[in-house]
Amino acid sequence: MPDCCPPPADADSSAAILALAKAYRVAALQLVAAAAPKQPLAFAPFRLTALHAIELYINAFLLERGLPAAALRRLQHNFAARAALASEHGLVLRRRTAAHLDFVASRHEYVAARYAPGSMPELSKLNRLTATLEEIARKVGIEVEKAARSPKAAPAAATVGEKPVPPQPPRAASSISRAPAVRYPPSEAIETRPKPSAA
């Protein structure tokens, strides 16, 4: 992306991308419900919106796992590469779902749905596309929201020269209160000198 058009700051936030993915999912389900039956082009908006929602869900997962947004943008619309990367970082998808994402990538379905849905006779079945969307939405939502609720990780260890210095944990406050110091007057001071022995 050229420097004159930087991506918005929210593009690096897994929570913001997850919220956007949810909005596209809702729109996709509304589009498929409203599409006229037996008219293939009527389902093109659903296909494009559902695929974009899937892409956003996987992006949200990978951002939560620490991948930079710039690296995700370089993947463009390669669903197979995104799914493989998400699998490497812990997203477990059903075998059928992973195979479907490979199919979507091999058929360049995102581009076909966007520009020429009628030119390719073999695209995803509507129920298969919906099932993939729903599984990814459910699993990514659980993972990202769970990470948001968990405590933040400890800061990385500082380094001095070549030896890492781990961060010191904060000292726990003692539950036993210290008694205030007592200053005795000279007349009540405790005798510490040895007594002379009797002759």
N, C-alpha and C. Protein backbone atom coordinates (compact mmCIF):
# COMPACT_ATOMS: atom_id res chain seq x y z
N MET A 1 0.85 -1.19 0.00
CA MET A 1 0.00 0.00 0.00
C MET A 1 0.88 1.24 0.00
N PRO A 2 0.65 2.25 -0.86
CA PRO A 2 1.52 3.41 -0.91
C PRO A 2 1.47 4.20 0.38
N ASP A 3 2.59 4.94 0.65
CA ASP A 3 2.69 5.70 1.88
C ASP A 3 1.64 6.79 1.97
N CYS A 4 1.13 7.25 0.81
CA CYS A 4 0.14 8.33 0.84
C CYS A 4 -1.20 7.85 1.36
N CYS A 5 -1.39 6.56 1.41
CA CYS A 5 -2.67 6.00 1.86
C CYS A 5 -2.42 4.96 2.95
N PRO A 6 -1.97 5.38 4.14
CA PRO A 6 -1.69 4.41 5.20
C PRO A 6 -2.96 3.75 5.68
N PRO A 7 -2.88 2.50 6.13
CA PRO A 7 -4.07 1.82 6.66
C PRO A 7 -4.52 2.48 7.95
N PRO A 8 -5.79 2.40 8.29
CA PRO A 8 -6.26 2.98 9.55
C PRO A 8 -5.61 2.30 10.74
N ALA A 9 -5.56 3.03 11.86
CA ALA A 9 -4.90 2.49 13.05
C ALA A 9 -5.60 1.23 13.55
N ASP A 10 -6.92 1.15 13.37
CA ASP A 10 -7.66 -0.01 13.85
C ASP A 10 -7.30 -1.29 13.10
N ALA A 11 -6.59 -1.16 11.97
CA ALA A 11 -6.23 -2.36 11.20
C ALA A 11 -5.28 -3.26 11.97
N ASP A 12 -4.64 -2.73 13.02
CA ASP A 12 -3.73 -3.53 13.83
C ASP A 12 -4.40 -4.11 15.07
N SER A 13 -5.67 -3.84 15.28
CA SER A 13 -6.37 -4.26 16.49
C SER A 13 -7.20 -5.50 16.22
N SER A 14 -6.90 -6.58 16.93
CA SER A 14 -7.67 -7.81 16.72
C SER A 14 -9.13 -7.62 17.13
N ALA A 15 -9.37 -6.83 18.18
CA ALA A 15 -10.75 -6.61 18.63
C ALA A 15 -11.54 -5.83 17.59
N ALA A 16 -10.91 -4.82 16.98
CA ALA A 16 -11.61 -4.02 15.97
C ALA A 16 -11.89 -4.85 14.72
N ILE A 17 -10.93 -5.67 14.30
CA ILE A 17 -11.14 -6.50 13.12
C ILE A 17 -12.19 -7.57 13.40
N LEU A 18 -12.21 -8.10 14.62
CA LEU A 18 -13.24 -9.09 14.97
C LEU A 18 -14.63 -8.46 14.91
N ALA A 19 -14.76 -7.23 15.41
CA ALA A 19 -16.06 -6.55 15.36
C ALA A 19 -16.49 -6.33 13.91
N LEU A 20 -15.55 -5.98 13.04
CA LEU A 20 -15.87 -5.79 11.63
C LEU A 20 -16.28 -7.11 10.98
N ALA A 21 -15.58 -8.19 11.33
CA ALA A 21 -15.93 -9.51 10.79
C ALA A 21 -17.34 -9.90 11.19
N LYS A 22 -17.71 -9.62 12.43
CA LYS A 22 -19.07 -9.94 12.90
C LYS A 22 -20.11 -9.17 12.09
N ALA A 23 -19.82 -7.91 11.79
CA ALA A 23 -20.77 -7.10 11.01
C ALA A 23 -20.94 -7.67 9.60
N TYR A 24 -19.83 -8.09 8.99
CA TYR A 24 -19.93 -8.69 7.65
C TYR A 24 -20.65 -10.03 7.69
N ARG A 25 -20.46 -10.79 8.75
CA ARG A 25 -21.17 -12.07 8.87
C ARG A 25 -22.67 -11.85 8.93
N VAL A 26 -23.11 -10.90 9.75
CA VAL A 26 -24.54 -10.60 9.85
C VAL A 26 -25.09 -10.17 8.49
N ALA A 27 -24.33 -9.32 7.80
CA ALA A 27 -24.78 -8.86 6.48
C ALA A 27 -24.87 -10.02 5.49
N ALA A 28 -23.89 -10.94 5.55
CA ALA A 28 -23.90 -12.08 4.63
C ALA A 28 -25.12 -12.96 4.85
N LEU A 29 -25.45 -13.22 6.11
CA LEU A 29 -26.61 -14.07 6.39
C LEU A 29 -27.91 -13.40 5.97
N GLN A 30 -27.97 -12.07 6.09
CA GLN A 30 -29.16 -11.36 5.63
C GLN A 30 -29.27 -11.40 4.10
N LEU A 31 -28.13 -11.31 3.42
CA LEU A 31 -28.14 -11.33 1.96
C LEU A 31 -28.58 -12.68 1.41
N VAL A 32 -28.08 -13.77 2.02
CA VAL A 32 -28.44 -15.08 1.49
C VAL A 32 -29.92 -15.37 1.76
N ALA A 33 -30.44 -14.85 2.85
CA ALA A 33 -31.86 -15.07 3.14
C ALA A 33 -32.76 -14.28 2.20
N ALA A 34 -32.27 -13.13 1.72
CA ALA A 34 -33.10 -12.28 0.86
C ALA A 34 -32.91 -12.56 -0.62
N ALA A 35 -31.93 -13.38 -1.00
CA ALA A 35 -31.64 -13.62 -2.42
C ALA A 35 -32.76 -14.40 -3.09
N ALA A 36 -33.02 -14.06 -4.32
CA ALA A 36 -34.06 -14.76 -5.08
C ALA A 36 -33.56 -16.14 -5.47
N PRO A 37 -34.35 -17.18 -5.22
CA PRO A 37 -33.92 -18.53 -5.57
C PRO A 37 -33.83 -18.73 -7.08
N LYS A 38 -32.98 -19.68 -7.47
CA LYS A 38 -32.80 -20.06 -8.88
C LYS A 38 -32.25 -18.93 -9.74
N GLN A 39 -31.63 -17.95 -9.10
CA GLN A 39 -30.95 -16.88 -9.83
C GLN A 39 -29.52 -16.79 -9.28
N PRO A 40 -28.57 -17.45 -9.91
CA PRO A 40 -27.21 -17.53 -9.35
C PRO A 40 -26.59 -16.17 -9.04
N LEU A 41 -26.81 -15.19 -9.90
CA LEU A 41 -26.20 -13.88 -9.66
C LEU A 41 -26.77 -13.21 -8.41
N ALA A 42 -27.96 -13.62 -8.00
CA ALA A 42 -28.56 -13.03 -6.81
C ALA A 42 -27.77 -13.37 -5.55
N PHE A 43 -26.97 -14.44 -5.62
CA PHE A 43 -26.20 -14.86 -4.45
C PHE A 43 -24.77 -14.31 -4.46
N ALA A 44 -24.41 -13.56 -5.52
CA ALA A 44 -23.06 -13.01 -5.59
C ALA A 44 -22.74 -12.08 -4.42
N PRO A 45 -23.65 -11.18 -4.02
CA PRO A 45 -23.34 -10.34 -2.86
C PRO A 45 -23.10 -11.15 -1.59
N PHE A 46 -23.88 -12.22 -1.41
CA PHE A 46 -23.65 -13.08 -0.25
C PHE A 46 -22.27 -13.72 -0.32
N ARG A 47 -21.89 -14.25 -1.48
CA ARG A 47 -20.58 -14.90 -1.60
C ARG A 47 -19.45 -13.94 -1.24
N LEU A 48 -19.49 -12.76 -1.81
CA LEU A 48 -18.42 -11.80 -1.56
C LEU A 48 -18.37 -11.38 -0.10
N THR A 49 -19.54 -11.12 0.48
CA THR A 49 -19.59 -10.67 1.87
C THR A 49 -19.17 -11.78 2.82
N ALA A 50 -19.59 -13.01 2.55
CA ALA A 50 -19.21 -14.14 3.40
C ALA A 50 -17.71 -14.39 3.33
N LEU A 51 -17.14 -14.34 2.13
CA LEU A 51 -15.70 -14.56 1.99
C LEU A 51 -14.91 -13.45 2.68
N HIS A 52 -15.39 -12.23 2.58
CA HIS A 52 -14.69 -11.13 3.25
C HIS A 52 -14.78 -11.30 4.77
N ALA A 53 -15.92 -11.74 5.26
CA ALA A 53 -16.05 -11.99 6.70
C ALA A 53 -15.08 -13.07 7.15
N ILE A 54 -14.95 -14.16 6.38
CA ILE A 54 -14.02 -15.23 6.71
C ILE A 54 -12.59 -14.69 6.77
N GLU A 55 -12.23 -13.89 5.78
CA GLU A 55 -10.88 -13.31 5.75
C GLU A 55 -10.64 -12.44 6.98
N LEU A 56 -11.62 -11.64 7.35
CA LEU A 56 -11.48 -10.78 8.52
C LEU A 56 -11.38 -11.58 9.81
N TYR A 57 -12.16 -12.64 9.94
CA TYR A 57 -12.07 -13.47 11.14
C TYR A 57 -10.66 -14.06 11.29
N ILE A 58 -10.11 -14.58 10.20
CA ILE A 58 -8.77 -15.18 10.29
C ILE A 58 -7.74 -14.09 10.58
N ASN A 59 -7.91 -12.91 9.99
CA ASN A 59 -7.01 -11.80 10.30
C ASN A 59 -7.05 -11.45 11.78
N ALA A 60 -8.26 -11.40 12.35
CA ALA A 60 -8.39 -11.08 13.77
C ALA A 60 -7.65 -12.10 14.62
N PHE A 61 -7.77 -13.37 14.26
CA PHE A 61 -7.07 -14.42 15.01
C PHE A 61 -5.56 -14.24 14.92
N LEU A 62 -5.05 -14.00 13.72
CA LEU A 62 -3.60 -13.87 13.53
C LEU A 62 -3.07 -12.61 14.20
N LEU A 63 -3.82 -11.53 14.18
CA LEU A 63 -3.41 -10.33 14.90
C LEU A 63 -3.34 -10.59 16.40
N GLU A 64 -4.31 -11.32 16.91
CA GLU A 64 -4.30 -11.65 18.34
C GLU A 64 -3.09 -12.50 18.70
N ARG A 65 -2.63 -13.31 17.76
CA ARG A 65 -1.45 -14.14 17.98
C ARG A 65 -0.14 -13.38 17.77
N GLY A 66 -0.23 -12.11 17.43
CA GLY A 66 0.96 -11.28 17.36
C GLY A 66 1.53 -11.02 15.98
N LEU A 67 0.87 -11.49 14.92
CA LEU A 67 1.38 -11.22 13.58
C LEU A 67 1.09 -9.77 13.19
N PRO A 68 2.02 -9.11 12.52
CA PRO A 68 1.79 -7.72 12.12
C PRO A 68 0.78 -7.62 10.99
N ALA A 69 0.02 -6.53 10.99
CA ALA A 69 -1.00 -6.34 9.96
C ALA A 69 -0.38 -6.26 8.57
N ALA A 70 0.84 -5.71 8.47
CA ALA A 70 1.49 -5.60 7.16
C ALA A 70 1.72 -6.98 6.55
N ALA A 71 2.07 -7.96 7.38
CA ALA A 71 2.29 -9.31 6.87
C ALA A 71 1.00 -9.93 6.36
N LEU A 72 -0.11 -9.61 7.01
CA LEU A 72 -1.41 -10.15 6.57
C LEU A 72 -1.85 -9.51 5.26
N ARG A 73 -1.56 -8.23 5.11
CA ARG A 73 -1.94 -7.57 3.85
C ARG A 73 -1.19 -8.16 2.66
N ARG A 74 0.03 -8.64 2.91
CA ARG A 74 0.81 -9.23 1.82
C ARG A 74 0.20 -10.54 1.33
N LEU A 75 -0.64 -11.17 2.14
CA LEU A 75 -1.30 -12.41 1.72
C LEU A 75 -2.40 -12.15 0.70
N GLN A 76 -2.82 -10.89 0.58
CA GLN A 76 -3.92 -10.50 -0.30
C GLN A 76 -5.16 -11.35 0.02
N HIS A 77 -5.71 -12.07 -0.96
CA HIS A 77 -6.93 -12.86 -0.70
C HIS A 77 -6.65 -14.35 -0.80
N ASN A 78 -5.47 -14.76 -0.37
CA ASN A 78 -5.10 -16.18 -0.43
C ASN A 78 -5.64 -16.88 0.82
N PHE A 79 -6.79 -17.52 0.67
CA PHE A 79 -7.44 -18.15 1.82
C PHE A 79 -6.66 -19.38 2.30
N ALA A 80 -6.04 -20.10 1.39
CA ALA A 80 -5.27 -21.28 1.78
C ALA A 80 -4.07 -20.88 2.63
N ALA A 81 -3.36 -19.83 2.23
CA ALA A 81 -2.20 -19.38 3.00
C ALA A 81 -2.63 -18.86 4.36
N ARG A 82 -3.74 -18.15 4.42
CA ARG A 82 -4.24 -17.66 5.71
C ARG A 82 -4.61 -18.81 6.63
N ALA A 83 -5.30 -19.80 6.08
CA ALA A 83 -5.71 -20.94 6.90
C ALA A 83 -4.50 -21.72 7.41
N ALA A 84 -3.49 -21.89 6.56
CA ALA A 84 -2.28 -22.61 6.98
C ALA A 84 -1.57 -21.84 8.09
N LEU A 85 -1.48 -20.53 7.95
CA LEU A 85 -0.83 -19.71 8.97
C LEU A 85 -1.61 -19.75 10.28
N ALA A 86 -2.93 -19.69 10.19
CA ALA A 86 -3.75 -19.76 11.40
C ALA A 86 -3.60 -21.12 12.07
N SER A 87 -3.50 -22.18 11.28
CA SER A 87 -3.30 -23.52 11.84
C SER A 87 -1.97 -23.60 12.58
N GLU A 88 -0.93 -23.00 12.02
CA GLU A 88 0.38 -22.99 12.68
C GLU A 88 0.33 -22.27 14.02
N HIS A 89 -0.59 -21.33 14.16
CA HIS A 89 -0.69 -20.54 15.39
C HIS A 89 -1.82 -21.01 16.30
N GLY A 90 -2.37 -22.20 16.03
CA GLY A 90 -3.27 -22.80 17.00
C GLY A 90 -4.74 -22.84 16.67
N LEU A 91 -5.14 -22.36 15.50
CA LEU A 91 -6.56 -22.44 15.14
C LEU A 91 -6.84 -23.81 14.54
N VAL A 92 -7.71 -24.57 15.20
CA VAL A 92 -8.01 -25.94 14.77
C VAL A 92 -9.33 -25.94 14.01
N LEU A 93 -9.25 -26.21 12.72
CA LEU A 93 -10.44 -26.29 11.88
C LEU A 93 -10.71 -27.73 11.48
N ARG A 94 -11.96 -28.03 11.19
CA ARG A 94 -12.29 -29.36 10.69
C ARG A 94 -11.62 -29.57 9.34
N ARG A 95 -11.33 -30.83 9.05
CA ARG A 95 -10.64 -31.16 7.80
C ARG A 95 -11.44 -30.67 6.59
N ARG A 96 -12.75 -30.81 6.67
CA ARG A 96 -13.60 -30.38 5.55
C ARG A 96 -13.53 -28.86 5.35
N THR A 97 -13.46 -28.14 6.46
CA THR A 97 -13.38 -26.68 6.36
C THR A 97 -12.04 -26.24 5.78
N ALA A 98 -10.95 -26.86 6.23
CA ALA A 98 -9.63 -26.53 5.69
C ALA A 98 -9.57 -26.84 4.19
N ALA A 99 -10.16 -27.97 3.79
CA ALA A 99 -10.18 -28.33 2.37
C ALA A 99 -11.00 -27.33 1.56
N HIS A 100 -12.07 -26.83 2.16
CA HIS A 100 -12.89 -25.84 1.45
C HIS A 100 -12.12 -24.54 1.23
N LEU A 101 -11.34 -24.12 2.22
CA LEU A 101 -10.54 -22.90 2.05
C LEU A 101 -9.48 -23.08 0.97
N ASP A 102 -8.93 -24.29 0.87
CA ASP A 102 -8.00 -24.57 -0.24
C ASP A 102 -8.73 -24.47 -1.58
N PHE A 103 -9.95 -24.97 -1.63
CA PHE A 103 -10.75 -24.90 -2.86
C PHE A 103 -11.03 -23.45 -3.23
N VAL A 104 -11.40 -22.65 -2.24
CA VAL A 104 -11.68 -21.23 -2.49
C VAL A 104 -10.46 -20.54 -3.09
N ALA A 105 -9.28 -20.86 -2.54
CA ALA A 105 -8.05 -20.25 -3.05
C ALA A 105 -7.73 -20.73 -4.46
N SER A 106 -7.91 -22.02 -4.70
CA SER A 106 -7.55 -22.57 -6.02
C SER A 106 -8.46 -22.05 -7.13
N ARG A 107 -9.68 -21.72 -6.78
CA ARG A 107 -10.63 -21.21 -7.78
C ARG A 107 -10.66 -19.68 -7.84
N HIS A 108 -9.82 -19.03 -7.03
CA HIS A 108 -9.82 -17.56 -6.97
C HIS A 108 -11.25 -17.05 -6.77
N GLU A 109 -11.91 -17.68 -5.82
CA GLU A 109 -13.34 -17.44 -5.67
C GLU A 109 -13.66 -16.02 -5.20
N TYR A 110 -12.76 -15.44 -4.41
CA TYR A 110 -13.00 -14.07 -3.95
C TYR A 110 -13.09 -13.12 -5.14
N VAL A 111 -12.14 -13.25 -6.07
CA VAL A 111 -12.13 -12.38 -7.25
C VAL A 111 -13.33 -12.68 -8.15
N ALA A 112 -13.66 -13.96 -8.29
CA ALA A 112 -14.81 -14.33 -9.12
C ALA A 112 -16.10 -13.78 -8.55
N ALA A 113 -16.27 -13.89 -7.22
CA ALA A 113 -17.49 -13.38 -6.60
C ALA A 113 -17.58 -11.87 -6.71
N ARG A 114 -16.43 -11.23 -6.75
CA ARG A 114 -16.42 -9.76 -6.79
C ARG A 114 -16.66 -9.21 -8.19
N TYR A 115 -16.10 -9.88 -9.20
CA TYR A 115 -16.13 -9.30 -10.54
C TYR A 115 -16.93 -10.10 -11.56
N ALA A 116 -16.88 -11.43 -11.49
CA ALA A 116 -17.52 -12.23 -12.54
C ALA A 116 -18.06 -13.54 -12.00
N PRO A 117 -19.05 -13.48 -11.11
CA PRO A 117 -19.56 -14.73 -10.52
C PRO A 117 -20.21 -15.66 -11.53
N GLY A 118 -20.67 -15.13 -12.66
CA GLY A 118 -21.32 -15.98 -13.65
C GLY A 118 -20.37 -16.65 -14.61
N SER A 119 -19.09 -16.27 -14.56
CA SER A 119 -18.13 -16.82 -15.52
C SER A 119 -17.53 -18.14 -15.07
N MET A 120 -17.73 -18.51 -13.81
CA MET A 120 -17.15 -19.74 -13.28
C MET A 120 -18.27 -20.66 -12.83
N PRO A 121 -18.46 -21.78 -13.50
CA PRO A 121 -19.58 -22.66 -13.14
C PRO A 121 -19.39 -23.35 -11.79
N GLU A 122 -18.14 -23.54 -11.38
CA GLU A 122 -17.88 -24.31 -10.16
C GLU A 122 -17.40 -23.38 -9.04
N LEU A 123 -18.33 -22.96 -8.22
CA LEU A 123 -18.02 -22.18 -7.04
C LEU A 123 -18.53 -22.94 -5.82
N SER A 124 -18.24 -22.42 -4.65
CA SER A 124 -18.65 -23.10 -3.42
C SER A 124 -20.17 -23.25 -3.36
N LYS A 125 -20.61 -24.39 -2.87
CA LYS A 125 -22.03 -24.55 -2.58
C LYS A 125 -22.40 -23.57 -1.47
N LEU A 126 -23.61 -23.06 -1.54
CA LEU A 126 -24.02 -22.05 -0.57
C LEU A 126 -23.98 -22.58 0.86
N ASN A 127 -24.44 -23.82 1.04
CA ASN A 127 -24.44 -24.37 2.41
C ASN A 127 -23.02 -24.63 2.90
N ARG A 128 -22.10 -24.97 1.98
CA ARG A 128 -20.71 -25.19 2.38
C ARG A 128 -20.05 -23.87 2.78
N LEU A 129 -20.30 -22.83 2.02
CA LEU A 129 -19.74 -21.52 2.34
C LEU A 129 -20.29 -21.02 3.68
N THR A 130 -21.58 -21.23 3.90
CA THR A 130 -22.17 -20.82 5.17
C THR A 130 -21.58 -21.60 6.33
N ALA A 131 -21.39 -22.91 6.16
CA ALA A 131 -20.82 -23.73 7.23
C ALA A 131 -19.40 -23.30 7.56
N THR A 132 -18.60 -22.99 6.55
CA THR A 132 -17.23 -22.52 6.79
C THR A 132 -17.24 -21.20 7.55
N LEU A 133 -18.09 -20.29 7.12
CA LEU A 133 -18.20 -19.00 7.81
C LEU A 133 -18.58 -19.19 9.27
N GLU A 134 -19.57 -20.03 9.53
CA GLU A 134 -20.05 -20.19 10.90
C GLU A 134 -19.01 -20.86 11.80
N GLU A 135 -18.29 -21.84 11.27
CA GLU A 135 -17.27 -22.50 12.10
C GLU A 135 -16.14 -21.53 12.44
N ILE A 136 -15.67 -20.81 11.45
CA ILE A 136 -14.56 -19.88 11.70
C ILE A 136 -15.01 -18.75 12.61
N ALA A 137 -16.22 -18.25 12.42
CA ALA A 137 -16.73 -17.19 13.29
C ALA A 137 -16.79 -17.66 14.74
N ARG A 138 -17.27 -18.87 14.95
CA ARG A 138 -17.40 -19.38 16.32
C ARG A 138 -16.03 -19.58 16.97
N LYS A 139 -15.12 -20.23 16.27
CA LYS A 139 -13.84 -20.58 16.87
C LYS A 139 -12.94 -19.37 17.06
N VAL A 140 -12.92 -18.48 16.08
CA VAL A 140 -12.10 -17.28 16.23
C VAL A 140 -12.67 -16.38 17.31
N GLY A 141 -13.99 -16.24 17.36
CA GLY A 141 -14.60 -15.43 18.39
C GLY A 141 -14.23 -15.90 19.78
N ILE A 142 -14.25 -17.20 20.00
CA ILE A 142 -13.88 -17.76 21.31
C ILE A 142 -12.43 -17.42 21.64
N GLU A 143 -11.52 -17.63 20.67
CA GLU A 143 -10.10 -17.43 20.93
C GLU A 143 -9.76 -15.97 21.20
N VAL A 144 -10.27 -15.07 20.37
CA VAL A 144 -9.93 -13.66 20.53
C VAL A 144 -10.54 -13.08 21.80
N GLU A 145 -11.77 -13.43 22.10
CA GLU A 145 -12.41 -12.90 23.30
C GLU A 145 -11.81 -13.51 24.56
N LYS A 146 -11.37 -14.76 24.48
CA LYS A 146 -10.68 -15.37 25.63
C LYS A 146 -9.36 -14.66 25.90
N ALA A 147 -8.64 -14.34 24.85
CA ALA A 147 -7.36 -13.64 25.01
C ALA A 147 -7.57 -12.24 25.58
N ALA A 148 -8.68 -11.59 25.20
CA ALA A 148 -8.96 -10.25 25.72
C ALA A 148 -9.26 -10.28 27.21
N ARG A 149 -9.83 -11.38 27.70
CA ARG A 149 -10.16 -11.49 29.13
C ARG A 149 -8.98 -11.93 29.97
N SER A 150 -7.98 -12.57 29.36
CA SER A 150 -6.86 -13.10 30.12
C SER A 150 -5.91 -11.98 30.48
N PRO A 151 -5.16 -12.13 31.61
CA PRO A 151 -4.20 -11.08 31.99
C PRO A 151 -3.11 -10.95 30.96
N LYS A 152 -2.60 -9.74 30.84
CA LYS A 152 -1.54 -9.48 29.88
C LYS A 152 -0.28 -10.22 30.26
N ALA A 153 0.50 -10.63 29.25
CA ALA A 153 1.75 -11.34 29.50
C ALA A 153 2.75 -10.40 30.14
N ALA A 154 3.68 -10.98 30.92
CA ALA A 154 4.73 -10.20 31.56
C ALA A 154 5.62 -9.58 30.50
N PRO A 155 6.21 -8.41 30.79
CA PRO A 155 7.09 -7.80 29.80
C PRO A 155 8.31 -8.65 29.54
N ALA A 156 8.88 -8.51 28.34
CA ALA A 156 10.04 -9.30 27.97
C ALA A 156 11.22 -8.95 28.86
N ALA A 157 12.12 -9.92 29.06
CA ALA A 157 13.27 -9.72 29.92
C ALA A 157 14.19 -8.67 29.33
N ALA A 158 14.67 -7.78 30.21
CA ALA A 158 15.66 -6.80 29.77
C ALA A 158 17.00 -7.49 29.62
N THR A 159 17.90 -6.89 28.87
CA THR A 159 19.21 -7.49 28.67
C THR A 159 20.29 -6.52 29.10
N VAL A 160 21.30 -7.04 29.74
CA VAL A 160 22.49 -6.28 30.10
C VAL A 160 23.65 -7.00 29.47
N GLY A 161 24.28 -6.39 28.44
CA GLY A 161 25.32 -7.10 27.73
C GLY A 161 24.74 -8.30 27.02
N GLU A 162 25.23 -9.47 27.37
CA GLU A 162 24.76 -10.71 26.75
C GLU A 162 23.84 -11.50 27.65
N LYS A 163 23.75 -11.10 28.94
CA LYS A 163 22.99 -11.90 29.89
C LYS A 163 21.61 -11.30 30.09
N PRO A 164 20.56 -12.09 29.87
CA PRO A 164 19.21 -11.57 30.10
C PRO A 164 18.93 -11.41 31.58
N VAL A 165 18.26 -10.33 31.92
CA VAL A 165 17.89 -10.09 33.31
C VAL A 165 16.38 -10.18 33.40
N PRO A 166 15.84 -11.23 34.02
CA PRO A 166 14.38 -11.37 34.08
C PRO A 166 13.77 -10.27 34.93
N PRO A 167 12.57 -9.82 34.58
CA PRO A 167 11.91 -8.79 35.40
C PRO A 167 11.59 -9.34 36.77
N GLN A 168 11.79 -8.50 37.78
CA GLN A 168 11.54 -8.91 39.15
C GLN A 168 10.06 -8.80 39.46
N PRO A 169 9.48 -9.84 40.07
CA PRO A 169 8.06 -9.76 40.44
C PRO A 169 7.85 -8.74 41.54
N PRO A 170 6.71 -8.09 41.56
CA PRO A 170 6.46 -7.13 42.64
C PRO A 170 6.38 -7.83 43.98
N ARG A 171 6.92 -7.16 44.99
CA ARG A 171 6.89 -7.74 46.33
C ARG A 171 5.47 -7.68 46.89
N ALA A 172 5.07 -8.81 47.43
CA ALA A 172 3.74 -8.86 48.03
C ALA A 172 3.74 -8.13 49.36
N ALA A 173 2.71 -7.38 49.60
CA ALA A 173 2.62 -6.69 50.88
C ALA A 173 2.38 -7.69 52.00
N SER A 174 3.10 -7.52 53.08
CA SER A 174 2.97 -8.44 54.20
C SER A 174 1.64 -8.21 54.89
N SER A 175 1.02 -9.30 55.28
CA SER A 175 -0.26 -9.18 55.99
C SER A 175 -0.06 -8.91 57.47
N ILE A 176 1.20 -9.00 57.94
CA ILE A 176 1.49 -8.75 59.36
C ILE A 176 2.01 -7.34 59.48
N SER A 177 1.31 -6.50 60.22
CA SER A 177 1.74 -5.12 60.38
C SER A 177 2.87 -5.05 61.39
N ARG A 178 3.82 -4.19 61.11
CA ARG A 178 4.95 -4.04 62.02
C ARG A 178 4.56 -3.15 63.19
N ALA A 179 5.03 -3.56 64.36
CA ALA A 179 4.76 -2.74 65.55
C ALA A 179 5.60 -1.47 65.48
N PRO A 180 5.06 -0.36 65.92
CA PRO A 180 5.84 0.88 65.89
C PRO A 180 7.05 0.79 66.80
N ALA A 181 8.12 1.43 66.39
CA ALA A 181 9.34 1.41 67.21
C ALA A 181 9.09 2.16 68.52
N VAL A 182 9.60 1.61 69.61
CA VAL A 182 9.41 2.21 70.94
C VAL A 182 10.76 2.74 71.41
N ARG A 183 10.81 4.00 71.80
CA ARG A 183 12.03 4.59 72.35
C ARG A 183 11.90 4.63 73.87
N TYR A 184 12.77 3.90 74.52
CA TYR A 184 12.72 3.87 75.98
C TYR A 184 13.51 5.06 76.52
N PRO A 185 13.05 5.63 77.63
CA PRO A 185 13.86 6.67 78.29
C PRO A 185 15.10 6.05 78.91
N PRO A 186 16.12 6.83 79.20
CA PRO A 186 17.36 6.26 79.76
C PRO A 186 17.15 5.46 81.02
N SER A 187 16.19 5.86 81.86
CA SER A 187 15.98 5.16 83.12
C SER A 187 15.39 3.78 82.92
N GLU A 188 14.74 3.52 81.74
CA GLU A 188 14.12 2.23 81.50
C GLU A 188 14.88 1.41 80.47
N ALA A 189 16.09 1.88 80.13
CA ALA A 189 16.86 1.14 79.14
C ALA A 189 17.27 -0.21 79.68
N ILE A 190 17.34 -1.17 78.81
CA ILE A 190 17.69 -2.52 79.23
C ILE A 190 19.18 -2.58 79.48
N GLU A 191 19.54 -3.11 80.64
CA GLU A 191 20.95 -3.23 81.02
C GLU A 191 21.59 -4.34 80.21
N THR A 192 22.65 -3.99 79.51
CA THR A 192 23.33 -4.99 78.69
C THR A 192 24.74 -5.26 79.15
N ARG A 193 25.28 -4.43 80.14
CA ARG A 193 26.64 -4.68 80.60
C ARG A 193 26.66 -5.86 81.55
N PRO A 194 27.70 -6.70 81.50
CA PRO A 194 27.75 -7.85 82.43
C PRO A 194 27.92 -7.38 83.87
N LYS A 195 27.24 -8.08 84.79
CA LYS A 195 27.34 -7.73 86.21
C LYS A 195 28.66 -8.25 86.77
N PRO A 196 29.30 -7.46 87.65
CA PRO A 196 30.57 -7.94 88.26
C PRO A 196 30.33 -9.16 89.12
N SER A 197 31.24 -10.13 89.03
CA SER A 197 31.09 -11.36 89.84
C SER A 197 31.38 -11.09 91.30
N ALA A 198 30.70 -11.83 92.18
CA ALA A 198 30.87 -11.65 93.63
C ALA A 198 32.25 -12.13 94.05
N ALA A 199 32.91 -11.37 94.95
CA ALA A 199 34.25 -11.74 95.42
C ALA A 199 34.18 -13.00 96.26
